[in-house]
PDB file of all heavy atoms in Angstrom:
ATOM      1  N   LYS A   1     103.784 104.603 117.102  1.00  0.00           N
ATOM      2  CA  LYS A   1     103.106 103.585 116.295  1.00  0.00           C
ATOM      3  C   LYS A   1     102.517 104.153 115.004  1.00  0.00           C
ATOM      4  O   LYS A   1     101.966 103.404 114.197  1.00  0.00           O
ATOM      5  CB  LYS A   1     102.000 102.916 117.112  1.00  0.00           C
ATOM      6  CG  LYS A   1     102.518 102.128 118.312  1.00  0.00           C
ATOM      7  CD  LYS A   1     101.377 101.476 119.069  1.00  0.00           C
ATOM      8  CE  LYS A   1     101.898 100.671 120.267  1.00  0.00           C
ATOM      9  NZ  LYS A   1     100.780 100.034 121.018  1.00  0.00           N
ATOM     10  N   GLY A   2     102.624 105.465 114.820  1.00  0.00           N
ATOM     11  CA  GLY A   2     102.134 106.066 113.587  1.00  0.00           C
ATOM     12  C   GLY A   2     101.109 107.153 113.805  1.00  0.00           C
ATOM     13  O   GLY A   2     100.834 107.566 114.939  1.00  0.00           O
ATOM     14  N   ILE A   3     100.535 107.610 112.696  1.00  0.00           N
ATOM     15  CA  ILE A   3      99.523 108.667 112.731  1.00  0.00           C
ATOM     16  C   ILE A   3      98.155 108.033 112.528  1.00  0.00           C
ATOM     17  O   ILE A   3      97.875 107.462 111.453  1.00  0.00           O
ATOM     18  CB  ILE A   3      99.771 109.704 111.620  1.00  0.00           C
ATOM     19  CG1 ILE A   3     101.155 110.346 111.791  1.00  0.00           C
ATOM     20  CG2 ILE A   3      98.672 110.772 111.621  1.00  0.00           C
ATOM     21  CD1 ILE A   3     101.534 111.298 110.662  1.00  0.00           C
ATOM     22  N   PRO A   4      97.271 108.082 113.508  1.00  0.00           N
ATOM     23  CA  PRO A   4      95.935 107.498 113.353  1.00  0.00           C
ATOM     24  C   PRO A   4      95.131 108.230 112.283  1.00  0.00           C
ATOM     25  O   PRO A   4      95.184 109.463 112.193  1.00  0.00           O
ATOM     26  CB  PRO A   4      95.293 107.689 114.733  1.00  0.00           C
ATOM     27  CG  PRO A   4      96.427 107.979 115.674  1.00  0.00           C
ATOM     28  CD  PRO A   4      97.469 108.661 114.851  1.00  0.00           C
ATOM     29  N   VAL A   5      94.411 107.455 111.467  1.00  0.00           N
ATOM     30  CA  VAL A   5      93.559 108.030 110.425  1.00  0.00           C
ATOM     31  C   VAL A   5      92.230 107.293 110.393  1.00  0.00           C
ATOM     32  O   VAL A   5      92.117 106.170 110.889  1.00  0.00           O
ATOM     33  CB  VAL A   5      94.223 107.952 109.026  1.00  0.00           C
ATOM     34  CG1 VAL A   5      95.479 108.802 108.960  1.00  0.00           C
ATOM     35  CG2 VAL A   5      94.538 106.500 108.656  1.00  0.00           C
ATOM     36  N   ASP A   6      91.232 107.934 109.775  1.00  0.00           N
ATOM     37  CA  ASP A   6      89.966 107.236 109.564  1.00  0.00           C
ATOM     38  C   ASP A   6      90.016 106.531 108.208  1.00  0.00           C
ATOM     39  O   ASP A   6      91.072 106.479 107.556  1.00  0.00           O
ATOM     40  CB  ASP A   6      88.779 108.205 109.657  1.00  0.00           C
ATOM     41  CG  ASP A   6      88.798 109.297 108.589  1.00  0.00           C
ATOM     42  OD1 ASP A   6      89.537 109.157 107.578  1.00  0.00           O
ATOM     43  OD2 ASP A   6      88.066 110.295 108.742  1.00  0.00           O
ATOM     44  N   ASP A   7      88.907 105.994 107.760  1.00  0.00           N
ATOM     45  CA  ASP A   7      88.900 105.221 106.515  1.00  0.00           C
ATOM     46  C   ASP A   7      89.100 106.083 105.276  1.00  0.00           C
ATOM     47  O   ASP A   7      89.321 105.553 104.182  1.00  0.00           O
ATOM     48  CB  ASP A   7      87.595 104.422 106.392  1.00  0.00           C
ATOM     49  CG  ASP A   7      87.541 103.268 107.370  1.00  0.00           C
ATOM     50  OD1 ASP A   7      88.620 102.857 107.866  1.00  0.00           O
ATOM     51  OD2 ASP A   7      86.434 102.762 107.653  1.00  0.00           O
ATOM     52  N   SER A   8      89.026 107.394 105.435  1.00  0.00           N
ATOM     53  CA  SER A   8      89.335 108.301 104.327  1.00  0.00           C
ATOM     54  C   SER A   8      90.784 108.756 104.368  1.00  0.00           C
ATOM     55  O   SER A   8      91.200 109.615 103.584  1.00  0.00           O
ATOM     56  CB  SER A   8      88.414 109.533 104.372  1.00  0.00           C
ATOM     57  OG  SER A   8      87.072 109.168 104.144  1.00  0.00           O
ATOM     58  N   MET A   9      91.560 108.198 105.289  1.00  0.00           N
ATOM     59  CA  MET A   9      92.969 108.535 105.514  1.00  0.00           C
ATOM     60  C   MET A   9      93.132 109.923 106.129  1.00  0.00           C
ATOM     61  O   MET A   9      94.203 110.504 106.124  1.00  0.00           O
ATOM     62  CB  MET A   9      93.811 108.440 104.219  1.00  0.00           C
ATOM     63  CG  MET A   9      93.689 107.113 103.525  1.00  0.00           C
ATOM     64  SD  MET A   9      94.122 105.722 104.590  1.00  0.00           S
ATOM     65  CE  MET A   9      92.804 104.566 104.213  1.00  0.00           C
ATOM     66  N   ARG A  10      92.053 110.433 106.710  1.00  0.00           N
ATOM     67  CA  ARG A  10      92.063 111.756 107.338  1.00  0.00           C
ATOM     68  C   ARG A  10      92.538 111.637 108.785  1.00  0.00           C
ATOM     69  O   ARG A  10      92.120 110.739 109.520  1.00  0.00           O
ATOM     70  CB  ARG A  10      90.660 112.363 107.297  1.00  0.00           C
ATOM     71  CG  ARG A  10      90.573 113.795 107.796  1.00  0.00           C
ATOM     72  CD  ARG A  10      89.142 114.315 107.740  1.00  0.00           C
ATOM     73  NE  ARG A  10      88.772 114.723 106.394  1.00  0.00           N
ATOM     74  CZ  ARG A  10      87.863 114.094 105.646  1.00  0.00           C
ATOM     75  NH1 ARG A  10      87.273 112.986 106.095  1.00  0.00           N
ATOM     76  NH2 ARG A  10      87.565 114.540 104.449  1.00  0.00           N
ATOM     77  N   THR A  11      93.445 112.533 109.185  1.00  0.00           N
ATOM     78  CA  THR A  11      93.896 112.575 110.573  1.00  0.00           C
ATOM     79  C   THR A  11      92.842 113.272 111.420  1.00  0.00           C
ATOM     80  O   THR A  11      91.741 113.572 110.946  1.00  0.00           O
ATOM     81  CB  THR A  11      95.230 113.337 110.684  1.00  0.00           C
ATOM     82  OG1 THR A  11      94.998 114.731 110.402  1.00  0.00           O
ATOM     83  CG2 THR A  11      96.264 112.777 109.709  1.00  0.00           C
ATOM     84  N   ASN A  12      93.184 113.593 112.671  1.00  0.00           N
ATOM     85  CA  ASN A  12      92.249 114.330 113.519  1.00  0.00           C
ATOM     86  C   ASN A  12      92.067 115.766 113.058  1.00  0.00           C
ATOM     87  O   ASN A  12      91.150 116.463 113.500  1.00  0.00           O
ATOM     88  CB  ASN A  12      92.726 114.318 114.976  1.00  0.00           C
ATOM     89  CG  ASN A  12      94.061 115.015 115.152  1.00  0.00           C
ATOM     90  OD1 ASN A  12      95.064 114.598 114.569  1.00  0.00           O
ATOM     91  ND2 ASN A  12      94.087 116.066 115.968  1.00  0.00           N
ATOM     92  N   VAL A  13      92.947 116.228 112.161  1.00  0.00           N
ATOM     93  CA  VAL A  13      92.808 117.570 111.577  1.00  0.00           C
ATOM     94  C   VAL A  13      92.140 117.422 110.217  1.00  0.00           C
ATOM     95  O   VAL A  13      92.634 116.699 109.339  1.00  0.00           O
ATOM     96  CB  VAL A  13      94.180 118.264 111.429  1.00  0.00           C
ATOM     97  CG1 VAL A  13      94.011 119.648 110.805  1.00  0.00           C
ATOM     98  CG2 VAL A  13      94.865 118.364 112.787  1.00  0.00           C
ATOM     99  N   GLU A  14      91.031 118.092 110.021  1.00  0.00           N
ATOM    100  CA  GLU A  14      90.125 117.866 108.892  1.00  0.00           C
ATOM    101  C   GLU A  14      90.800 117.811 107.530  1.00  0.00           C
ATOM    102  O   GLU A  14      90.487 116.963 106.703  1.00  0.00           O
ATOM    103  CB  GLU A  14      89.046 118.960 108.882  1.00  0.00           C
ATOM    104  CG  GLU A  14      87.985 118.811 107.804  1.00  0.00           C
ATOM    105  CD  GLU A  14      87.009 117.670 108.067  1.00  0.00           C
ATOM    106  OE1 GLU A  14      86.965 117.178 109.206  1.00  0.00           O
ATOM    107  OE2 GLU A  14      86.298 117.264 107.123  1.00  0.00           O
ATOM    108  N   HIS A  15      91.741 118.695 107.266  1.00  0.00           N
ATOM    109  CA  HIS A  15      92.310 118.799 105.921  1.00  0.00           C
ATOM    110  C   HIS A  15      93.709 118.172 105.817  1.00  0.00           C
ATOM    111  O   HIS A  15      94.407 118.394 104.826  1.00  0.00           O
ATOM    112  CB  HIS A  15      92.384 120.277 105.506  1.00  0.00           C
ATOM    113  CG  HIS A  15      93.237 121.094 106.436  1.00  0.00           C
ATOM    114  ND1 HIS A  15      92.769 121.610 107.613  1.00  0.00           N
ATOM    115  CD2 HIS A  15      94.541 121.459 106.364  1.00  0.00           C
ATOM    116  CE1 HIS A  15      93.726 122.265 108.227  1.00  0.00           C
ATOM    117  NE2 HIS A  15      94.826 122.186 107.491  1.00  0.00           N
ATOM    118  N   ILE A  16      94.112 117.417 106.830  1.00  0.00           N
ATOM    119  CA  ILE A  16      95.424 116.765 106.803  1.00  0.00           C
ATOM    120  C   ILE A  16      95.232 115.254 106.787  1.00  0.00           C
ATOM    121  O   ILE A  16      94.497 114.699 107.615  1.00  0.00           O
ATOM    122  CB  ILE A  16      96.297 117.185 108.005  1.00  0.00           C
ATOM    123  CG1 ILE A  16      96.530 118.699 107.988  1.00  0.00           C
ATOM    124  CG2 ILE A  16      97.630 116.451 107.987  1.00  0.00           C
ATOM    125  CD1 ILE A  16      97.346 119.212 109.163  1.00  0.00           C
ATOM    126  N   TYR A  17      95.903 114.611 105.849  1.00  0.00           N
ATOM    127  CA  TYR A  17      95.761 113.167 105.649  1.00  0.00           C
ATOM    128  C   TYR A  17      97.118 112.488 105.837  1.00  0.00           C
ATOM    129  O   TYR A  17      98.170 113.115 105.705  1.00  0.00           O
ATOM    130  CB  TYR A  17      95.235 112.884 104.239  1.00  0.00           C
ATOM    131  CG  TYR A  17      93.896 113.520 103.948  1.00  0.00           C
ATOM    132  CD1 TYR A  17      93.794 114.883 103.665  1.00  0.00           C
ATOM    133  CD2 TYR A  17      92.723 112.768 103.957  1.00  0.00           C
ATOM    134  CE1 TYR A  17      92.563 115.478 103.408  1.00  0.00           C
ATOM    135  CE2 TYR A  17      91.490 113.352 103.703  1.00  0.00           C
ATOM    136  CZ  TYR A  17      91.417 114.700 103.431  1.00  0.00           C
ATOM    137  OH  TYR A  17      90.190 115.282 103.186  1.00  0.00           O
ATOM    138  N   ALA A  18      97.094 111.197 106.140  1.00  0.00           N
ATOM    139  CA  ALA A  18      98.331 110.417 106.264  1.00  0.00           C
ATOM    140  C   ALA A  18      98.138 109.088 105.540  1.00  0.00           C
ATOM    141  O   ALA A  18      97.147 108.383 105.780  1.00  0.00           O
ATOM    142  CB  ALA A  18      98.685 110.178 107.727  1.00  0.00           C
ATOM    143  N   ILE A  19      99.054 108.781 104.631  1.00  0.00           N
ATOM    144  CA  ILE A  19      98.930 107.568 103.823  1.00  0.00           C
ATOM    145  C   ILE A  19     100.206 106.731 103.903  1.00  0.00           C
ATOM    146  O   ILE A  19     101.289 107.227 104.192  1.00  0.00           O
ATOM    147  CB  ILE A  19      98.626 107.909 102.348  1.00  0.00           C
ATOM    148  CG1 ILE A  19      99.806 108.669 101.719  1.00  0.00           C
ATOM    149  CG2 ILE A  19      97.328 108.703 102.230  1.00  0.00           C
ATOM    150  CD1 ILE A  19      99.678 108.876 100.208  1.00  0.00           C
ATOM    151  N   GLY A  20     100.060 105.452 103.629  1.00  0.00           N
ATOM    152  CA  GLY A  20     101.214 104.572 103.561  1.00  0.00           C
ATOM    153  C   GLY A  20     101.731 104.150 104.930  1.00  0.00           C
ATOM    154  O   GLY A  20     101.009 104.146 105.935  1.00  0.00           O
ATOM    155  N   ASP A  21     103.014 103.816 104.976  1.00  0.00           N
ATOM    156  CA  ASP A  21     103.607 103.265 106.194  1.00  0.00           C
ATOM    157  C   ASP A  21     103.444 104.164 107.405  1.00  0.00           C
ATOM    158  O   ASP A  21     103.390 103.682 108.535  1.00  0.00           O
ATOM    159  CB  ASP A  21     105.105 103.010 105.980  1.00  0.00           C
ATOM    160  CG  ASP A  21     105.380 101.825 105.076  1.00  0.00           C
ATOM    161  OD1 ASP A  21     104.418 101.277 104.494  1.00  0.00           O
ATOM    162  OD2 ASP A  21     106.556 101.444 104.937  1.00  0.00           O
ATOM    163  N   VAL A  22     103.380 105.478 107.197  1.00  0.00           N
ATOM    164  CA  VAL A  22     103.328 106.402 108.325  1.00  0.00           C
ATOM    165  C   VAL A  22     102.041 106.257 109.123  1.00  0.00           C
ATOM    166  O   VAL A  22     101.993 106.601 110.312  1.00  0.00           O
ATOM    167  CB  VAL A  22     103.537 107.864 107.863  1.00  0.00           C
ATOM    168  CG1 VAL A  22     102.282 108.416 107.184  1.00  0.00           C
ATOM    169  CG2 VAL A  22     103.967 108.754 109.023  1.00  0.00           C
ATOM    170  N   ASN A  23     100.971 105.734 108.518  1.00  0.00           N
ATOM    171  CA  ASN A  23      99.759 105.491 109.308  1.00  0.00           C
ATOM    172  C   ASN A  23      99.698 104.056 109.835  1.00  0.00           C
ATOM    173  O   ASN A  23      98.815 103.713 110.618  1.00  0.00           O
ATOM    174  CB  ASN A  23      98.477 105.870 108.544  1.00  0.00           C
ATOM    175  CG  ASN A  23      98.156 104.938 107.383  1.00  0.00           C
ATOM    176  OD1 ASN A  23      98.459 103.744 107.379  1.00  0.00           O
ATOM    177  ND2 ASN A  23      97.486 105.483 106.360  1.00  0.00           N
ATOM    178  N   ALA A  24     100.636 103.225 109.378  1.00  0.00           N
ATOM    179  CA  ALA A  24     100.839 101.864 109.913  1.00  0.00           C
ATOM    180  C   ALA A  24      99.638 100.939 109.761  1.00  0.00           C
ATOM    181  O   ALA A  24      99.577  99.910 110.417  1.00  0.00           O
ATOM    182  CB  ALA A  24     101.270 101.933 111.381  1.00  0.00           C
ATOM    183  N   ARG A  25      98.712 101.302 108.888  1.00  0.00           N
ATOM    184  CA  ARG A  25      97.568 100.401 108.693  1.00  0.00           C
ATOM    185  C   ARG A  25      97.985  99.125 107.970  1.00  0.00           C
ATOM    186  O   ARG A  25      97.574  98.032 108.342  1.00  0.00           O
ATOM    187  CB  ARG A  25      96.466 101.113 107.899  1.00  0.00           C
ATOM    188  CG  ARG A  25      95.658 102.099 108.717  1.00  0.00           C
ATOM    189  CD  ARG A  25      94.364 102.473 108.021  1.00  0.00           C
ATOM    190  NE  ARG A  25      93.399 103.010 108.975  1.00  0.00           N
ATOM    191  CZ  ARG A  25      92.098 103.099 108.742  1.00  0.00           C
ATOM    192  NH1 ARG A  25      91.597 102.663 107.597  1.00  0.00           N
ATOM    193  NH2 ARG A  25      91.293 103.592 109.651  1.00  0.00           N
ATOM    194  N   MET A  26      98.758  99.267 106.923  1.00  0.00           N
ATOM    195  CA  MET A  26      99.264  98.122 106.173  1.00  0.00           C
ATOM    196  C   MET A  26     100.490  98.586 105.410  1.00  0.00           C
ATOM    197  O   MET A  26     100.386  99.383 104.490  1.00  0.00           O
ATOM    198  CB  MET A  26      98.195  97.576 105.210  1.00  0.00           C
ATOM    199  CG  MET A  26      98.558  96.235 104.594  1.00  0.00           C
ATOM    200  SD  MET A  26      97.245  95.559 103.536  1.00  0.00           S
ATOM    201  CE  MET A  26      95.979  95.204 104.754  1.00  0.00           C
ATOM    202  N   MET A  27     101.654  98.080 105.788  1.00  0.00           N
ATOM    203  CA  MET A  27     102.902  98.603 105.239  1.00  0.00           C
ATOM    204  C   MET A  27     103.279  97.916 103.930  1.00  0.00           C
ATOM    205  O   MET A  27     104.166  97.056 103.889  1.00  0.00           O
ATOM    206  CB  MET A  27     104.016  98.491 106.280  1.00  0.00           C
ATOM    207  CG  MET A  27     103.830  99.434 107.452  1.00  0.00           C
ATOM    208  SD  MET A  27     105.233  99.372 108.587  1.00  0.00           S
ATOM    209  CE  MET A  27     104.902 100.771 109.646  1.00  0.00           C
ATOM    210  N   LEU A  28     102.600  98.312 102.871  1.00  0.00           N
ATOM    211  CA  LEU A  28     102.869  97.816 101.525  1.00  0.00           C
ATOM    212  C   LEU A  28     102.831  98.993 100.563  1.00  0.00           C
ATOM    213  O   LEU A  28     101.954  99.865 100.669  1.00  0.00           O
ATOM    214  CB  LEU A  28     101.836  96.773 101.103  1.00  0.00           C
ATOM    215  CG  LEU A  28     101.844  95.438 101.861  1.00  0.00           C
ATOM    216  CD1 LEU A  28     100.601  94.633 101.529  1.00  0.00           C
ATOM    217  CD2 LEU A  28     103.101  94.645 101.545  1.00  0.00           C
ATOM    218  N   ALA A  29     103.749  99.017  99.609  1.00  0.00           N
ATOM    219  CA  ALA A  29     103.848 100.152  98.688  1.00  0.00           C
ATOM    220  C   ALA A  29     102.558 100.366  97.908  1.00  0.00           C
ATOM    221  O   ALA A  29     102.098 101.504  97.741  1.00  0.00           O
ATOM    222  CB  ALA A  29     105.016  99.935  97.723  1.00  0.00           C
ATOM    223  N   HIS A  30     101.970  99.260  97.424  1.00  0.00           N
ATOM    224  CA  HIS A  30     100.759  99.414  96.618  1.00  0.00           C
ATOM    225  C   HIS A  30      99.577  99.883  97.458  1.00  0.00           C
ATOM    226  O   HIS A  30      98.677 100.559  96.955  1.00  0.00           O
ATOM    227  CB  HIS A  30     100.414  98.126  95.860  1.00  0.00           C
ATOM    228  CG  HIS A  30     100.538  96.862  96.643  1.00  0.00           C
ATOM    229  ND1 HIS A  30     101.741  96.375  97.078  1.00  0.00           N
ATOM    230  CD2 HIS A  30      99.609  95.955  97.041  1.00  0.00           C
ATOM    231  CE1 HIS A  30     101.554  95.222  97.702  1.00  0.00           C
ATOM    232  NE2 HIS A  30     100.271  94.960  97.711  1.00  0.00           N
ATOM    233  N   VAL A  31      99.578  99.562  98.735  1.00  0.00           N
ATOM    234  CA  VAL A  31      98.530 100.072  99.622  1.00  0.00           C
ATOM    235  C   VAL A  31      98.692 101.579  99.804  1.00  0.00           C
ATOM    236  O   VAL A  31      97.709 102.323  99.799  1.00  0.00           O
ATOM    237  CB  VAL A  31      98.570  99.349 100.979  1.00  0.00           C
ATOM    238  CG1 VAL A  31      97.628 100.021 101.977  1.00  0.00           C
ATOM    239  CG2 VAL A  31      98.181  97.879 100.810  1.00  0.00           C
ATOM    240  N   ALA A  32      99.926 102.038  99.944  1.00  0.00           N
ATOM    241  CA  ALA A  32     100.170 103.473 100.076  1.00  0.00           C
ATOM    242  C   ALA A  32      99.597 104.240  98.893  1.00  0.00           C
ATOM    243  O   ALA A  32      98.966 105.291  99.056  1.00  0.00           O
ATOM    244  CB  ALA A  32     101.673 103.734 100.196  1.00  0.00           C
ATOM    245  N   THR A  33      99.814 103.707  97.688  1.00  0.00           N
ATOM    246  CA  THR A  33      99.299 104.367  96.484  1.00  0.00           C
ATOM    247  C   THR A  33      97.786 104.490  96.527  1.00  0.00           C
ATOM    248  O   THR A  33      97.219 105.571  96.273  1.00  0.00           O
ATOM    249  CB  THR A  33      99.728 103.580  95.237  1.00  0.00           C
ATOM    250  OG1 THR A  33     101.154 103.612  95.136  1.00  0.00           O
ATOM    251  CG2 THR A  33      99.119 104.174  93.978  1.00  0.00           C
ATOM    252  N   PHE A  34      97.110 103.405  96.868  1.00  0.00           N
ATOM    253  CA  PHE A  34      95.645 103.433  96.857  1.00  0.00           C
ATOM    254  C   PHE A  34      95.074 104.191  98.048  1.00  0.00           C
ATOM    255  O   PHE A  34      93.978 104.749  97.957  1.00  0.00           O
ATOM    256  CB  PHE A  34      95.091 102.015  96.755  1.00  0.00           C
ATOM    257  CG  PHE A  34      95.085 101.507  95.336  1.00  0.00           C
ATOM    258  CD1 PHE A  34      96.223 100.951  94.787  1.00  0.00           C
ATOM    259  CD2 PHE A  34      93.963 101.647  94.532  1.00  0.00           C
ATOM    260  CE1 PHE A  34      96.244 100.523  93.473  1.00  0.00           C
ATOM    261  CE2 PHE A  34      93.969 101.215  93.220  1.00  0.00           C
ATOM    262  CZ  PHE A  34      95.115 100.656  92.685  1.00  0.00           C
ATOM    263  N   GLN A  35      95.799 104.244  99.156  1.00  0.00           N
ATOM    264  CA  GLN A  35      95.376 105.130 100.238  1.00  0.00           C
ATOM    265  C   GLN A  35      95.459 106.586  99.782  1.00  0.00           C
ATOM    266  O   GLN A  35      94.632 107.410 100.176  1.00  0.00           O
ATOM    267  CB  GLN A  35      96.247 104.906 101.476  1.00  0.00           C
ATOM    268  CG  GLN A  35      95.962 103.603 102.202  1.00  0.00           C
ATOM    269  CD  GLN A  35      96.798 103.440 103.451  1.00  0.00           C
ATOM    270  OE1 GLN A  35      97.724 104.215 103.700  1.00  0.00           O
ATOM    271  NE2 GLN A  35      96.490 102.428 104.251  1.00  0.00           N
ATOM    272  N   GLY A  36      96.445 106.880  98.945  1.00  0.00           N
ATOM    273  CA  GLY A  36      96.544 108.221  98.377  1.00  0.00           C
ATOM    274  C   GLY A  36      95.345 108.546  97.504  1.00  0.00           C
ATOM    275  O   GLY A  36      94.794 109.661  97.561  1.00  0.00           O
ATOM    276  N   TYR A  37      94.936 107.574  96.693  1.00  0.00           N
ATOM    277  CA  TYR A  37      93.747 107.782  95.859  1.00  0.00           C
ATOM    278  C   TYR A  37      92.510 107.989  96.735  1.00  0.00           C
ATOM    279  O   TYR A  37      91.656 108.829  96.431  1.00  0.00           O
ATOM    280  CB  TYR A  37      93.518 106.579  94.943  1.00  0.00           C
ATOM    281  CG  TYR A  37      94.626 106.317  93.941  1.00  0.00           C
ATOM    282  CD1 TYR A  37      94.767 105.058  93.355  1.00  0.00           C
ATOM    283  CD2 TYR A  37      95.534 107.308  93.586  1.00  0.00           C
ATOM    284  CE1 TYR A  37      95.781 104.806  92.431  1.00  0.00           C
ATOM    285  CE2 TYR A  37      96.548 107.059  92.677  1.00  0.00           C
ATOM    286  CZ  TYR A  37      96.669 105.800  92.100  1.00  0.00           C
ATOM    287  OH  TYR A  37      97.664 105.546  91.201  1.00  0.00           O
ATOM    288  N   ARG A  38      92.417 107.234  97.828  1.00  0.00           N
ATOM    289  CA  ARG A  38      91.281 107.399  98.733  1.00  0.00           C
ATOM    290  C   ARG A  38      91.279 108.806  99.340  1.00  0.00           C
ATOM    291  O   ARG A  38      90.218 109.448  99.438  1.00  0.00           O
ATOM    292  CB  ARG A  38      91.363 106.333  99.831  1.00  0.00           C
ATOM    293  CG  ARG A  38      90.386 106.494 101.005  1.00  0.00           C
ATOM    294  CD  ARG A  38      88.915 106.407 100.614  1.00  0.00           C
ATOM    295  NE  ARG A  38      88.546 105.141 100.038  1.00  0.00           N
ATOM    296  CZ  ARG A  38      88.262 104.019 100.740  1.00  0.00           C
ATOM    297  NH1 ARG A  38      88.328 104.032 102.052  1.00  0.00           N
ATOM    298  NH2 ARG A  38      87.899 102.923 100.111  1.00  0.00           N
ATOM    299  N   ALA A  39      92.460 109.299  99.732  1.00  0.00           N
ATOM    300  CA  ALA A  39      92.549 110.648 100.296  1.00  0.00           C
ATOM    301  C   ALA A  39      92.122 111.701  99.274  1.00  0.00           C
ATOM    302  O   ALA A  39      91.382 112.640  99.605  1.00  0.00           O
ATOM    303  CB  ALA A  39      93.973 110.925 100.777  1.00  0.00           C
ATOM    304  N   LEU A  40      92.575 111.535  98.026  1.00  0.00           N
ATOM    305  CA  LEU A  40      92.174 112.482  96.980  1.00  0.00           C
ATOM    306  C   LEU A  40      90.665 112.447  96.756  1.00  0.00           C
ATOM    307  O   LEU A  40      90.039 113.495  96.545  1.00  0.00           O
ATOM    308  CB  LEU A  40      92.899 112.165  95.673  1.00  0.00           C
ATOM    309  CG  LEU A  40      94.406 112.432  95.640  1.00  0.00           C
ATOM    310  CD1 LEU A  40      94.964 112.071  94.265  1.00  0.00           C
ATOM    311  CD2 LEU A  40      94.719 113.888  95.970  1.00  0.00           C
ATOM    312  N   ASN A  41      90.090 111.265  96.800  1.00  0.00           N
ATOM    313  CA  ASN A  41      88.636 111.150  96.641  1.00  0.00           C
ATOM    314  C   ASN A  41      87.913 111.846  97.791  1.00  0.00           C
ATOM    315  O   ASN A  41      86.880 112.492  97.596  1.00  0.00           O
ATOM    316  CB  ASN A  41      88.228 109.684  96.566  1.00  0.00           C
ATOM    317  CG  ASN A  41      88.610 109.039  95.243  1.00  0.00           C
ATOM    318  OD1 ASN A  41      88.729 109.728  94.229  1.00  0.00           O
ATOM    319  ND2 ASN A  41      88.827 107.739  95.246  1.00  0.00           N
ATOM    320  N   ALA A  42      88.455 111.712  99.000  1.00  0.00           N
ATOM    321  CA  ALA A  42      87.851 112.384 100.156  1.00  0.00           C
ATOM    322  C   ALA A  42      87.938 113.900  99.994  1.00  0.00           C
ATOM    323  O   ALA A  42      86.976 114.625 100.292  1.00  0.00           O
ATOM    324  CB  ALA A  42      88.558 111.944 101.440  1.00  0.00           C
ATOM    325  N   ILE A  43      89.065 114.391  99.507  1.00  0.00           N
ATOM    326  CA  ILE A  43      89.230 115.824  99.271  1.00  0.00           C
ATOM    327  C   ILE A  43      88.216 116.318  98.245  1.00  0.00           C
ATOM    328  O   ILE A  43      87.644 117.405  98.378  1.00  0.00           O
ATOM    329  CB  ILE A  43      90.670 116.128  98.806  1.00  0.00           C
ATOM    330  CG1 ILE A  43      91.654 115.911  99.965  1.00  0.00           C
ATOM    331  CG2 ILE A  43      90.787 117.552  98.258  1.00  0.00           C
ATOM    332  CD1 ILE A  43      93.107 115.939  99.554  1.00  0.00           C
ATOM    333  N   ALA A  44      87.982 115.493  97.223  1.00  0.00           N
ATOM    334  CA  ALA A  44      87.042 115.867  96.158  1.00  0.00           C
ATOM    335  C   ALA A  44      85.590 115.583  96.529  1.00  0.00           C
ATOM    336  O   ALA A  44      84.682 115.928  95.767  1.00  0.00           O
ATOM    337  CB  ALA A  44      87.402 115.125  94.877  1.00  0.00           C
ATOM    338  N   GLY A  45      85.372 114.929  97.669  1.00  0.00           N
ATOM    339  CA  GLY A  45      84.008 114.595  98.086  1.00  0.00           C
ATOM    340  C   GLY A  45      83.411 113.458  97.289  1.00  0.00           C
ATOM    341  O   GLY A  45      82.183 113.380  97.140  1.00  0.00           O
TER     342      GLY A  45
END
């Protein structure tokens, strides 16, 4: 069913993130892009 992530798109491993269809939260291209931005923001704190 995919890779579970929290709201920062972080997996159970602290420095590994999953975005877009692979996390199955919402399978839309534009959502994948903004999940990527969220992950980058989490990396930057």
